[in-house]
Amino acid sequence: MGILTQLEIENFKSYKGKQIIGPFKRFTAIIGPNGSGKSNLMDAICFVLGEKTSNLRVRSVKNLIHGAPIHKPVSNKAQVTAVYTEEDETEIRFTRCIVGSGTEYRINNKVIDKTIQYQEKLENLGISIKARNFLVFQGTVESIALKTPKERTQLFEQISGSGELQQDYLQTKSDMQSSEEDTTFHMHKKKGISAERRAAKAEKEEADKYLNVKDDLSTAQVHYQLFKLLYNEKKIENLSLTLDKKEKEVAKMESRCSNIEQQLRSKKQESAKVSREIAVLDKKIQEKEAEAIILRPQYIKAKEKSLHLKKRIDGLKYVP
């Protein structure tokens, strides 16, 4: 850890002109009678480390200029430089200047645009302006002893700088609780998702089985339709052969029918001729029957006469 090795004070309170105080050791005691400037030295250290003007026993920053309280300022500006030496002997110069009605900050003689950068540089060295952990004022020890445990805790938090982290701590704690709740929620959600994944996996397996069965069914249907098509084509082929055969038979039968019809027409002509001849013969038969009817009595009479003559002849043959 480094130490404050030197102070350069210029026109600050009771220090007129430029005064160099130091070098300081790790333990340095400053003694002197009342009014010798011990408190103003403490104020100079507080001022250069960024203490508020209200804590330096003045109403305005201008009143920190030497002679200003009696309206006889020796200059329109004042400044204090603290030389901080690190363990590796590296020096860092912190300067705070009174300019007009305000102050200006410098690090290693370079003007710092933002006060926060000046404070951050000090805090990196373990010096917290807000916690005021770099000075112990008169009566501070006694006041610490009289504080309650809670107040001392708050003081230690302020001195250590942990009090500034309280909001971050509370926020972090809240974030942690929120994260724990989120973790618990996500764990339950994960369990639910795992169950859903298992269910989804089972459903997927069932769906895959269904799709496989559906694919098998589609394949079987395709094979069936192909087989049916092949069967129909074979059947059509056989029917075509049968049809050709039948058509040939029909053609043959038609030819035969044509011949028969021709023969029938010929037979009809012959039949008509025979019918005419039969009609002629029937007429002749009728004529002959008519003649027979006429001749029958003569026939009977002649037959009777013949029988009678025959009997007579027979009788004549047996006469003694």
C-alpha atoms as a PDB file:
ATOM      1  CA  MET A   1       0.000   0.000   0.000  1.00  0.00           C
ATOM      2  CA  GLY A   2       1.298   3.490  -0.903  1.00  0.00           C
ATOM      3  CA  ILE A   3       1.455   6.565   1.357  1.00  0.00           C
ATOM      4  CA  LEU A   4       0.931  10.333   1.219  1.00  0.00           C
ATOM      5  CA  THR A   5       4.498  11.640   0.894  1.00  0.00           C
ATOM      6  CA  GLN A   6       4.012  15.369   0.323  1.00  0.00           C
ATOM      7  CA  LEU A   7       1.550  18.274   0.267  1.00  0.00           C
ATOM      8  CA  GLU A   8       1.914  21.345  -1.912  1.00  0.00           C
ATOM      9  CA  ILE A   9      -0.334  24.141  -0.634  1.00  0.00           C
ATOM     10  CA  GLU A  10      -0.743  27.450  -2.443  1.00  0.00           C
ATOM     11  CA  ASN A  11      -2.811  30.347  -1.038  1.00  0.00           C
ATOM     12  CA  PHE A  12      -5.068  27.949   0.851  1.00  0.00           C
ATOM     13  CA  LYS A  13      -6.514  29.303   4.087  1.00  0.00           C
ATOM     14  CA  SER A  14      -3.622  30.249   6.397  1.00  0.00           C
ATOM     15  CA  TYR A  15      -0.968  29.147   3.883  1.00  0.00           C
ATOM     16  CA  LYS A  16       0.113  32.161   1.851  1.00  0.00           C
ATOM     17  CA  GLY A  17       2.007  31.562  -1.337  1.00  0.00           C
ATOM     18  CA  LYS A  18       3.275  28.088  -2.179  1.00  0.00           C
ATOM     19  CA  GLN A  19       4.169  25.876   0.760  1.00  0.00           C
ATOM     20  CA  ILE A  20       5.609  22.344   0.511  1.00  0.00           C
ATOM     21  CA  ILE A  21       4.958  20.150   3.522  1.00  0.00           C
ATOM     22  CA  GLY A  22       6.765  16.860   3.719  1.00  0.00           C
ATOM     23  CA  PRO A  23       8.077  14.408   3.010  1.00  0.00           C
ATOM     24  CA  PHE A  24       5.799  12.323   5.210  1.00  0.00           C
ATOM     25  CA  LYS A  25       6.674   8.884   6.528  1.00  0.00           C
ATOM     26  CA  ARG A  26       4.293   6.046   7.102  1.00  0.00           C
ATOM     27  CA  PHE A  27       3.789   7.473  10.572  1.00  0.00           C
ATOM     28  CA  THR A  28       4.100  11.232  10.839  1.00  0.00           C
ATOM     29  CA  ALA A  29       2.963  13.418  13.764  1.00  0.00           C
ATOM     30  CA  ILE A  30       2.234  17.114  13.264  1.00  0.00           C
ATOM     31  CA  ILE A  31       2.374  19.141  16.442  1.00  0.00           C
ATOM     32  CA  GLY A  32       2.175  22.817  17.291  1.00  0.00           C
ATOM     33  CA  PRO A  33       0.423  25.378  19.456  1.00  0.00           C
ATOM     34  CA  ASN A  34      -3.130  26.477  18.911  1.00  0.00           C
ATOM     35  CA  GLY A  35      -3.507  28.603  15.783  1.00  0.00           C
ATOM     36  CA  SER A  36      -0.357  27.225  14.174  1.00  0.00           C
ATOM     37  CA  GLY A  37      -2.334  25.740  11.259  1.00  0.00           C
ATOM     38  CA  LYS A  38      -2.761  22.074  12.230  1.00  0.00           C
ATOM     39  CA  SER A  39      -6.502  22.096  11.457  1.00  0.00           C
ATOM     40  CA  ASN A  40      -5.917  23.981   8.195  1.00  0.00           C
ATOM     41  CA  LEU A  41      -3.476  21.237   7.186  1.00  0.00           C
ATOM     42  CA  MET A  42      -6.234  18.697   7.828  1.00  0.00           C
ATOM     43  CA  ASP A  43      -8.601  20.907   5.794  1.00  0.00           C
ATOM     44  CA  ALA A  44      -6.062  21.008   2.945  1.00  0.00           C
ATOM     45  CA  ILE A  45      -5.888  17.206   2.921  1.00  0.00           C
ATOM     46  CA  CYS A  46      -9.697  16.986   2.991  1.00  0.00           C
ATOM     47  CA  PHE A  47      -9.964  19.595   0.219  1.00  0.00           C
ATOM     48  CA  VAL A  48      -7.540  17.901  -2.176  1.00  0.00           C
ATOM     49  CA  LEU A  49      -9.227  14.537  -1.555  1.00  0.00           C
ATOM     50  CA  GLY A  50     -12.579  16.001  -2.633  1.00  0.00           C
ATOM     51  CA  GLU A  51     -14.329  16.906   0.607  1.00  0.00           C
ATOM     52  CA  LYS A  52     -17.381  19.161   0.332  1.00  0.00           C
ATOM     53  CA  THR A  53     -16.892  22.859   1.089  1.00  0.00           C
ATOM     54  CA  SER A  54     -19.532  22.733   3.835  1.00  0.00           C
ATOM     55  CA  ASN A  55     -17.342  20.304   5.804  1.00  0.00           C
ATOM     56  CA  LEU A  56     -14.321  22.654   5.620  1.00  0.00           C
ATOM     57  CA  ARG A  57     -15.779  25.288   7.983  1.00  0.00           C
ATOM     58  CA  VAL A  58     -16.528  27.844   5.235  1.00  0.00           C
ATOM     59  CA  ARG A  59     -19.690  28.921   3.415  1.00  0.00           C
ATOM     60  CA  SER A  60     -18.142  29.381  -0.031  1.00  0.00           C
ATOM     61  CA  VAL A  61     -15.217  27.804  -1.802  1.00  0.00           C
ATOM     62  CA  LYS A  62     -13.834  31.330  -2.378  1.00  0.00           C
ATOM     63  CA  ASN A  63     -13.404  31.706   1.388  1.00  0.00           C
ATOM     64  CA  LEU A  64     -10.705  29.001   1.245  1.00  0.00           C
ATOM     65  CA  ILE A  65      -8.377  31.468  -0.521  1.00  0.00           C
ATOM     66  CA  HIS A  66      -5.881  33.086   1.862  1.00  0.00           C
ATOM     67  CA  GLY A  67      -7.220  36.424   3.138  1.00  0.00           C
ATOM     68  CA  ALA A  68     -10.728  35.919   1.696  1.00  0.00           C
ATOM     69  CA  PRO A  69     -12.467  35.715   5.099  1.00  0.00           C
ATOM     70  CA  ILE A  70     -11.290  39.313   5.832  1.00  0.00           C
ATOM     71  CA  HIS A  71     -12.114  40.356   2.270  1.00  0.00           C
ATOM     72  CA  LYS A  72      -8.427  40.648   1.319  1.00  0.00           C
ATOM     73  CA  PRO A  73      -7.757  37.605  -0.887  1.00  0.00           C
ATOM     74  CA  VAL A  74      -4.144  37.441  -2.024  1.00  0.00           C
ATOM     75  CA  SER A  75      -5.201  35.819  -5.305  1.00  0.00           C
ATOM     76  CA  ASN A  76      -8.244  34.782  -7.282  1.00  0.00           C
ATOM     77  CA  LYS A  77      -7.238  31.157  -7.037  1.00  0.00           C
ATOM     78  CA  ALA A  78      -5.765  28.581  -4.682  1.00  0.00           C
ATOM     79  CA  GLN A  79      -4.801  24.952  -4.953  1.00  0.00           C
ATOM     80  CA  VAL A  80      -3.635  21.925  -3.004  1.00  0.00           C
ATOM     81  CA  THR A  81      -1.601  19.053  -4.466  1.00  0.00           C
ATOM     82  CA  ALA A  82      -1.238  15.704  -2.696  1.00  0.00           C
ATOM     83  CA  VAL A  83       1.676  13.546  -3.819  1.00  0.00           C
ATOM     84  CA  TYR A  84       0.841   9.857  -3.366  1.00  0.00           C
ATOM     85  CA  THR A  85       3.733   7.383  -3.703  1.00  0.00           C
ATOM     86  CA  GLU A  86       2.957   3.743  -4.477  1.00  0.00           C
ATOM     87  CA  GLU A  87       5.027   0.778  -3.308  1.00  0.00           C
ATOM     88  CA  ASP A  88       6.930   0.732  -6.605  1.00  0.00           C
ATOM     89  CA  GLU A  89       7.909   4.402  -6.017  1.00  0.00           C
ATOM     90  CA  THR A  90       5.480   5.606  -8.706  1.00  0.00           C
ATOM     91  CA  GLU A  91       4.119   9.048  -7.826  1.00  0.00           C
ATOM     92  CA  ILE A  92       0.574  10.184  -8.501  1.00  0.00           C
ATOM     93  CA  ARG A  93      -0.178  13.898  -8.141  1.00  0.00           C
ATOM     94  CA  PHE A  94      -3.748  14.795  -7.151  1.00  0.00           C
ATOM     95  CA  THR A  95      -4.524  18.528  -7.485  1.00  0.00           C
ATOM     96  CA  ARG A  96      -7.673  20.483  -6.675  1.00  0.00           C
ATOM     97  CA  CYS A  97      -7.781  24.140  -7.712  1.00  0.00           C
ATOM     98  CA  ILE A  98     -10.180  26.945  -6.784  1.00  0.00           C
ATOM     99  CA  VAL A  99     -11.138  28.694 -10.013  1.00  0.00           C
ATOM    100  CA  GLY A 100     -13.787  31.397  -9.821  1.00  0.00           C
ATOM    101  CA  SER A 101     -16.739  30.047  -7.855  1.00  0.00           C
ATOM    102  CA  GLY A 102     -15.889  26.415  -8.515  1.00  0.00           C
ATOM    103  CA  THR A 103     -13.061  23.920  -8.400  1.00  0.00           C
ATOM    104  CA  GLU A 104     -10.980  22.083 -10.958  1.00  0.00           C
ATOM    105  CA  TYR A 105      -9.463  18.623 -10.594  1.00  0.00           C
ATOM    106  CA  ARG A 106      -6.173  17.375 -12.040  1.00  0.00           C
ATOM    107  CA  ILE A 107      -4.298  14.102 -11.987  1.00  0.00           C
ATOM    108  CA  ASN A 108      -0.590  14.356 -12.778  1.00  0.00           C
ATOM    109  CA  ASN A 109      -1.206  17.957 -13.898  1.00  0.00           C
ATOM    110  CA  LYS A 110      -3.824  16.826 -16.439  1.00  0.00           C
ATOM    111  CA  VAL A 111      -7.260  18.400 -16.091  1.00  0.00           C
ATOM    112  CA  ILE A 112     -10.011  15.838 -15.423  1.00  0.00           C
ATOM    113  CA  ASP A 113     -13.269  16.622 -17.197  1.00  0.00           C
ATOM    114  CA  LYS A 114     -15.452  14.680 -14.779  1.00  0.00           C
ATOM    115  CA  THR A 115     -15.165  14.694 -10.976  1.00  0.00           C
ATOM    116  CA  ILE A 116     -16.238  11.044 -10.914  1.00  0.00           C
ATOM    117  CA  GLN A 117     -13.001  10.069 -12.685  1.00  0.00           C
ATOM    118  CA  TYR A 118     -10.987  11.848  -9.956  1.00  0.00           C
ATOM    119  CA  GLN A 119     -12.971  10.042  -7.247  1.00  0.00           C
ATOM    120  CA  GLU A 120     -12.633   6.679  -8.994  1.00  0.00           C
ATOM    121  CA  LYS A 121      -8.858   7.089  -9.153  1.00  0.00           C
ATOM    122  CA  LEU A 122      -8.783   7.750  -5.383  1.00  0.00           C
ATOM    123  CA  GLU A 123     -11.121   4.836  -4.688  1.00  0.00           C
ATOM    124  CA  ASN A 124      -8.796   2.556  -6.647  1.00  0.00           C
ATOM    125  CA  LEU A 125      -6.187   3.475  -4.012  1.00  0.00           C
ATOM    126  CA  GLY A 126      -8.624   2.693  -1.175  1.00  0.00           C
ATOM    127  CA  ILE A 127      -9.568   6.337  -0.447  1.00  0.00           C
ATOM    128  CA  SER A 128     -13.333   6.895  -0.372  1.00  0.00           C
ATOM    129  CA  ILE A 129     -14.575  10.475  -0.199  1.00  0.00           C
ATOM    130  CA  LYS A 130     -18.127   9.376   0.549  1.00  0.00           C
ATOM    131  CA  ALA A 131     -17.048   7.058   3.362  1.00  0.00           C
ATOM    132  CA  ARG A 132     -14.442   9.594   4.670  1.00  0.00           C
ATOM    133  CA  ASN A 133     -12.166   6.674   5.546  1.00  0.00           C
ATOM    134  CA  PHE A 134      -8.948   8.668   5.244  1.00  0.00           C
ATOM    135  CA  LEU A 135      -9.214  11.024   8.296  1.00  0.00           C
ATOM    136  CA  VAL A 136     -10.304  10.683  11.901  1.00  0.00           C
ATOM    137  CA  PHE A 137     -11.345  14.048  13.292  1.00  0.00           C
ATOM    138  CA  GLN A 138     -11.251  15.180  16.909  1.00  0.00           C
ATOM    139  CA  GLY A 139     -14.050  13.611  18.906  1.00  0.00           C
ATOM    140  CA  THR A 140     -14.678  10.946  16.264  1.00  0.00           C
ATOM    141  CA  VAL A 141     -13.369   8.089  18.439  1.00  0.00           C
ATOM    142  CA  GLU A 142     -15.575   9.121  21.346  1.00  0.00           C
ATOM    143  CA  SER A 143     -18.595   9.440  19.065  1.00  0.00           C
ATOM    144  CA  ILE A 144     -17.910   5.965  17.694  1.00  0.00           C
ATOM    145  CA  ALA A 145     -17.857   4.554  21.229  1.00  0.00           C
ATOM    146  CA  LEU A 146     -21.225   6.151  21.958  1.00  0.00           C
ATOM    147  CA  LYS A 147     -22.894   4.781  18.837  1.00  0.00           C
ATOM    148  CA  THR A 148     -25.281   1.840  18.932  1.00  0.00           C
ATOM    149  CA  PRO A 149     -24.168  -1.447  17.337  1.00  0.00           C
ATOM    150  CA  LYS A 150     -26.377  -0.718  14.341  1.00  0.00           C
ATOM    151  CA  GLU A 151     -24.920   2.807  13.979  1.00  0.00           C
ATOM    152  CA  ARG A 152     -21.366   1.459  14.302  1.00  0.00           C
ATOM    153  CA  THR A 153     -22.162  -1.152  11.670  1.00  0.00           C
ATOM    154  CA  GLN A 154     -23.407   1.591   9.367  1.00  0.00           C
ATOM    155  CA  LEU A 155     -20.261   3.621  10.130  1.00  0.00           C
ATOM    156  CA  PHE A 156     -17.946   0.691   9.395  1.00  0.00           C
ATOM    157  CA  GLU A 157     -19.871   0.023   6.200  1.00  0.00           C
ATOM    158  CA  GLN A 158     -19.416   3.679   5.272  1.00  0.00           C
ATOM    159  CA  ILE A 159     -15.690   3.667   6.129  1.00  0.00           C
ATOM    160  CA  SER A 160     -15.028   0.390   4.321  1.00  0.00           C
ATOM    161  CA  GLY A 161     -17.105   1.517   1.397  1.00  0.00           C
ATOM    162  CA  SER A 162     -19.376  -1.495   1.686  1.00  0.00           C
ATOM    163  CA  GLY A 163     -22.290   0.814   2.463  1.00  0.00           C
ATOM    164  CA  GLU A 164     -22.122   2.059  -1.084  1.00  0.00           C
ATOM    165  CA  LEU A 165     -22.534  -1.493  -2.171  1.00  0.00           C
ATOM    166  CA  GLN A 166     -25.683  -1.955  -0.077  1.00  0.00           C
ATOM    167  CA  GLN A 167     -27.935  -0.988  -2.927  1.00  0.00           C
ATOM    168  CA  ASP A 168     -25.960  -3.264  -5.220  1.00  0.00           C
ATOM    169  CA  TYR A 169     -26.110  -5.947  -2.503  1.00  0.00           C
ATOM    170  CA  LEU A 170     -29.859  -5.568  -2.135  1.00  0.00           C
ATOM    171  CA  GLN A 171     -30.240  -5.527  -5.892  1.00  0.00           C
ATOM    172  CA  THR A 172     -27.938  -8.533  -6.218  1.00  0.00           C
ATOM    173  CA  LYS A 173     -29.829 -10.280  -3.408  1.00  0.00           C
ATOM    174  CA  SER A 174     -33.098  -9.471  -5.127  1.00  0.00           C
ATOM    175  CA  ASP A 175     -31.627 -10.679  -8.408  1.00  0.00           C
ATOM    176  CA  MET A 176     -30.376 -13.822  -6.646  1.00  0.00           C
ATOM    177  CA  GLN A 177     -33.809 -14.468  -5.135  1.00  0.00           C
ATOM    178  CA  SER A 178     -35.356 -13.780  -8.492  1.00  0.00           C
ATOM    179  CA  SER A 179     -32.786 -16.092 -10.075  1.00  0.00           C
ATOM    180  CA  GLU A 180     -33.540 -18.756  -7.460  1.00  0.00           C
ATOM    181  CA  GLU A 181     -37.243 -18.362  -8.165  1.00  0.00           C
ATOM    182  CA  ASP A 182     -36.501 -18.483 -11.871  1.00  0.00           C
ATOM    183  CA  THR A 183     -34.288 -21.521 -11.280  1.00  0.00           C
ATOM    184  CA  THR A 184     -37.039 -23.238  -9.284  1.00  0.00           C
ATOM    185  CA  PHE A 185     -39.571 -22.262 -11.921  1.00  0.00           C
ATOM    186  CA  HIS A 186     -37.313 -23.447 -14.714  1.00  0.00           C
ATOM    187  CA  MET A 187     -36.566 -26.675 -12.806  1.00  0.00           C
ATOM    188  CA  HIS A 188     -40.281 -27.349 -12.502  1.00  0.00           C
ATOM    189  CA  LYS A 189     -40.685 -26.225 -16.077  1.00  0.00           C
ATOM    190  CA  LYS A 190     -37.796 -28.489 -17.061  1.00  0.00           C
ATOM    191  CA  LYS A 191     -39.475 -31.396 -15.293  1.00  0.00           C
ATOM    192  CA  GLY A 192     -42.689 -30.505 -17.054  1.00  0.00           C
ATOM    193  CA  ILE A 193     -40.841 -30.170 -20.327  1.00  0.00           C
ATOM    194  CA  SER A 194     -39.095 -33.502 -19.673  1.00  0.00           C
ATOM    195  CA  ALA A 195     -42.476 -35.100 -19.094  1.00  0.00           C
ATOM    196  CA  GLU A 196     -43.794 -33.351 -22.187  1.00  0.00           C
ATOM    197  CA  ARG A 197     -40.709 -34.495 -24.097  1.00  0.00           C
ATOM    198  CA  ARG A 198     -41.310 -38.073 -22.975  1.00  0.00           C
ATOM    199  CA  ALA A 199     -44.952 -37.756 -23.919  1.00  0.00           C
ATOM    200  CA  ALA A 200     -43.988 -36.083 -27.182  1.00  0.00           C
ATOM    201  CA  LYS A 201     -41.391 -38.796 -27.786  1.00  0.00           C
ATOM    202  CA  ALA A 202     -44.005 -41.472 -27.149  1.00  0.00           C
ATOM    203  CA  GLU A 203     -46.429 -39.625 -29.414  1.00  0.00           C
ATOM    204  CA  LYS A 204     -43.686 -39.307 -32.021  1.00  0.00           C
ATOM    205  CA  GLU A 205     -42.955 -43.022 -31.770  1.00  0.00           C
ATOM    206  CA  GLU A 206     -46.667 -43.745 -32.150  1.00  0.00           C
ATOM    207  CA  ALA A 207     -46.809 -41.275 -35.022  1.00  0.00           C
ATOM    208  CA  ASP A 208     -43.754 -42.926 -36.587  1.00  0.00           C
ATOM    209  CA  LYS A 209     -45.386 -46.325 -36.175  1.00  0.00           C
ATOM    210  CA  TYR A 210     -48.562 -44.951 -37.700  1.00  0.00           C
ATOM    211  CA  LEU A 211     -46.613 -43.418 -40.573  1.00  0.00           C
ATOM    212  CA  ASN A 212     -44.702 -46.683 -41.064  1.00  0.00           C
ATOM    213  CA  VAL A 213     -47.962 -48.641 -41.057  1.00  0.00           C
ATOM    214  CA  LYS A 214     -49.458 -46.023 -43.358  1.00  0.00           C
ATOM    215  CA  ASP A 215     -46.443 -46.319 -45.658  1.00  0.00           C
ATOM    216  CA  ASP A 216     -46.715 -50.108 -45.549  1.00  0.00           C
ATOM    217  CA  LEU A 217     -50.429 -49.819 -46.287  1.00  0.00           C
ATOM    218  CA  SER A 218     -49.747 -47.420 -49.149  1.00  0.00           C
ATOM    219  CA  THR A 219     -47.085 -49.787 -50.490  1.00  0.00           C
ATOM    220  CA  ALA A 220     -49.459 -52.737 -50.125  1.00  0.00           C
ATOM    221  CA  GLN A 221     -52.228 -50.768 -51.843  1.00  0.00           C
ATOM    222  CA  VAL A 222     -49.853 -49.877 -54.667  1.00  0.00           C
ATOM    223  CA  HIS A 223     -48.808 -53.530 -54.980  1.00  0.00           C
ATOM    224  CA  TYR A 224     -52.471 -54.552 -54.874  1.00  0.00           C
ATOM    225  CA  GLN A 225     -53.402 -52.046 -57.559  1.00  0.00           C
ATOM    226  CA  LEU A 226     -50.411 -53.142 -59.655  1.00  0.00           C
ATOM    227  CA  PHE A 227     -51.391 -56.781 -59.190  1.00  0.00           C
ATOM    228  CA  LYS A 228     -54.983 -55.905 -60.005  1.00  0.00           C
ATOM    229  CA  LEU A 229     -53.820 -53.998 -63.073  1.00  0.00           C
ATOM    230  CA  LEU A 230     -51.636 -56.927 -64.124  1.00  0.00           C
ATOM    231  CA  TYR A 231     -54.534 -59.317 -63.515  1.00  0.00           C
ATOM    232  CA  ASN A 232     -56.885 -57.096 -65.517  1.00  0.00           C
ATOM    233  CA  GLU A 233     -54.357 -56.779 -68.322  1.00  0.00           C
ATOM    234  CA  LYS A 234     -53.928 -60.561 -68.335  1.00  0.00           C
ATOM    235  CA  LYS A 235     -57.681 -60.997 -68.230  1.00  0.00           C
ATOM    236  CA  ILE A 236     -58.076 -58.473 -71.051  1.00  0.00           C
ATOM    237  CA  GLU A 237     -55.447 -60.369 -73.014  1.00  0.00           C
ATOM    238  CA  ASN A 238     -57.276 -63.670 -72.442  1.00  0.00           C
ATOM    239  CA  LEU A 239     -60.613 -62.058 -73.233  1.00  0.00           C
ATOM    240  CA  SER A 240     -59.093 -60.572 -76.372  1.00  0.00           C
ATOM    241  CA  LEU A 241     -57.941 -64.027 -77.443  1.00  0.00           C
ATOM    242  CA  THR A 242     -61.351 -65.482 -76.565  1.00  0.00           C
ATOM    243  CA  LEU A 243     -63.062 -62.612 -78.356  1.00  0.00           C
ATOM    244  CA  ASP A 244     -60.929 -63.185 -81.439  1.00  0.00           C
ATOM    245  CA  LYS A 245     -61.795 -66.856 -81.269  1.00  0.00           C
ATOM    246  CA  LYS A 246     -65.485 -66.114 -80.791  1.00  0.00           C
ATOM    247  CA  GLU A 247     -65.421 -63.551 -83.568  1.00  0.00           C
ATOM    248  CA  LYS A 248     -63.895 -66.160 -85.832  1.00  0.00           C
ATOM    249  CA  GLU A 249     -66.556 -68.650 -84.736  1.00  0.00           C
ATOM    250  CA  VAL A 250     -69.253 -66.017 -85.258  1.00  0.00           C
ATOM    251  CA  ALA A 251     -67.840 -65.258 -88.681  1.00  0.00           C
ATOM    252  CA  LYS A 252     -67.806 -68.964 -89.414  1.00  0.00           C
ATOM    253  CA  MET A 253     -71.347 -69.367 -88.113  1.00  0.00           C
ATOM    254  CA  GLU A 254     -72.478 -66.304 -90.028  1.00  0.00           C
ATOM    255  CA  SER A 255     -70.994 -67.846 -93.140  1.00  0.00           C
ATOM    256  CA  ARG A 256     -72.754 -71.110 -92.341  1.00  0.00           C
ATOM    257  CA  CYS A 257     -76.005 -69.250 -91.617  1.00  0.00           C
ATOM    258  CA  SER A 258     -75.641 -67.494 -94.919  1.00  0.00           C
ATOM    259  CA  ASN A 259     -75.236 -70.845 -96.637  1.00  0.00           C
ATOM    260  CA  ILE A 260     -78.179 -72.263 -94.721  1.00  0.00           C
ATOM    261  CA  GLU A 261     -80.287 -69.233 -95.526  1.00  0.00           C
ATOM    262  CA  GLN A 262     -79.316 -69.654 -99.140  1.00  0.00           C
ATOM    263  CA  GLN A 263     -80.211 -73.337 -98.928  1.00  0.00           C
ATOM    264  CA  LEU A 264     -83.399 -72.396 -97.089  1.00  0.00           C
ATOM    265  CA  ARG A 265     -84.334 -69.965 -99.795  1.00  0.00           C
ATOM    266  CA  SER A 266     -83.603 -72.720-102.324  1.00  0.00           C
ATOM    267  CA  LYS A 267     -85.629 -75.225-100.270  1.00  0.00           C
ATOM    268  CA  LYS A 268     -88.433 -72.700 -99.960  1.00  0.00           C
ATOM    269  CA  GLN A 269     -88.476 -72.401-103.708  1.00  0.00           C
ATOM    270  CA  GLU A 270     -88.489 -76.213-104.001  1.00  0.00           C
ATOM    271  CA  SER A 271     -91.139 -76.389-101.271  1.00  0.00           C
ATOM    272  CA  ALA A 272     -93.287 -73.927-103.164  1.00  0.00           C
ATOM    273  CA  LYS A 273     -92.874 -76.050-106.276  1.00  0.00           C
ATOM    274  CA  VAL A 274     -93.702 -79.230-104.343  1.00  0.00           C
ATOM    275  CA  SER A 275     -96.641 -77.459-102.718  1.00  0.00           C
ATOM    276  CA  ARG A 276     -97.941 -76.584-106.131  1.00  0.00           C
ATOM    277  CA  GLU A 277     -97.408 -80.139-107.275  1.00  0.00           C
ATOM    278  CA  ILE A 278     -99.120 -81.423-104.117  1.00  0.00           C
ATOM    279  CA  ALA A 279    -101.990 -79.069-104.752  1.00  0.00           C
ATOM    280  CA  VAL A 280    -102.287 -80.464-108.287  1.00  0.00           C
ATOM    281  CA  LEU A 281    -102.103 -84.029-106.958  1.00  0.00           C
ATOM    282  CA  ASP A 282    -104.632 -83.207-104.229  1.00  0.00           C
ATOM    283  CA  LYS A 283    -106.927 -81.919-106.890  1.00  0.00           C
ATOM    284  CA  LYS A 284    -106.446 -85.028-108.932  1.00  0.00           C
ATOM    285  CA  ILE A 285    -106.974 -87.157-105.827  1.00  0.00           C
ATOM    286  CA  GLN A 286    -110.145 -85.294-105.102  1.00  0.00           C
ATOM    287  CA  GLU A 287    -111.219 -85.868-108.691  1.00  0.00           C
ATOM    288  CA  LYS A 288    -110.354 -89.529-108.442  1.00  0.00           C
ATOM    289  CA  GLU A 289    -112.114 -89.788-105.097  1.00  0.00           C
ATOM    290  CA  ALA A 290    -115.120 -88.178-106.677  1.00  0.00           C
ATOM    291  CA  GLU A 291    -114.898 -90.632-109.510  1.00  0.00           C
ATOM    292  CA  ALA A 292    -114.413 -93.430-106.980  1.00  0.00           C
ATOM    293  CA  ILE A 293    -117.487 -92.348-105.138  1.00  0.00           C
ATOM    294  CA  ILE A 294    -119.385 -92.469-108.376  1.00  0.00           C
ATOM    295  CA  LEU A 295    -117.917 -95.813-109.406  1.00  0.00           C
ATOM    296  CA  ARG A 296    -118.180 -97.423-105.980  1.00  0.00           C
ATOM    297  CA  PRO A 297    -121.793 -98.570-106.345  1.00  0.00           C
ATOM    298  CA  GLN A 298    -120.928 -99.998-109.716  1.00  0.00           C
ATOM    299  CA  TYR A 299    -117.922-101.579-108.128  1.00  0.00           C
ATOM    300  CA  ILE A 300    -119.966-103.042-105.357  1.00  0.00           C
ATOM    301  CA  LYS A 301    -122.571-104.241-107.803  1.00  0.00           C
ATOM    302  CA  ALA A 302    -119.960-105.681-110.105  1.00  0.00           C
ATOM    303  CA  LYS A 303    -118.241-107.319-107.153  1.00  0.00           C
ATOM    304  CA  GLU A 304    -121.459-108.787-105.970  1.00  0.00           C
ATOM    305  CA  LYS A 305    -122.165-109.977-109.461  1.00  0.00           C
ATOM    306  CA  SER A 306    -118.703-111.373-109.617  1.00  0.00           C
ATOM    307  CA  LEU A 307    -119.223-113.199-106.352  1.00  0.00           C
ATOM    308  CA  HIS A 308    -122.489-114.460-107.542  1.00  0.00           C
ATOM    309  CA  LEU A 309    -120.958-115.704-110.762  1.00  0.00           C
ATOM    310  CA  LYS A 310    -118.131-117.247-108.852  1.00  0.00           C
ATOM    311  CA  LYS A 311    -120.520-119.088-106.663  1.00  0.00           C
ATOM    312  CA  ARG A 312    -122.390-120.340-109.658  1.00  0.00           C
ATOM    313  CA  ILE A 313    -119.202-121.451-111.223  1.00  0.00           C
ATOM    314  CA  ASP A 314    -118.234-123.187-108.078  1.00  0.00           C
ATOM    315  CA  GLY A 315    -121.611-124.842-107.958  1.00  0.00           C
ATOM    316  CA  LEU A 316    -121.295-126.044-111.447  1.00  0.00           C
ATOM    317  CA  LYS A 317    -117.958-127.623-110.697  1.00  0.00           C
ATOM    318  CA  TYR A 318    -119.368-129.914-108.029  1.00  0.00           C
ATOM    319  CA  VAL A 319    -122.491-131.198-109.947  1.00  0.00           C
ATOM    320  CA  PRO A 320    -122.317-135.046-110.361  1.00  0.00           C
END
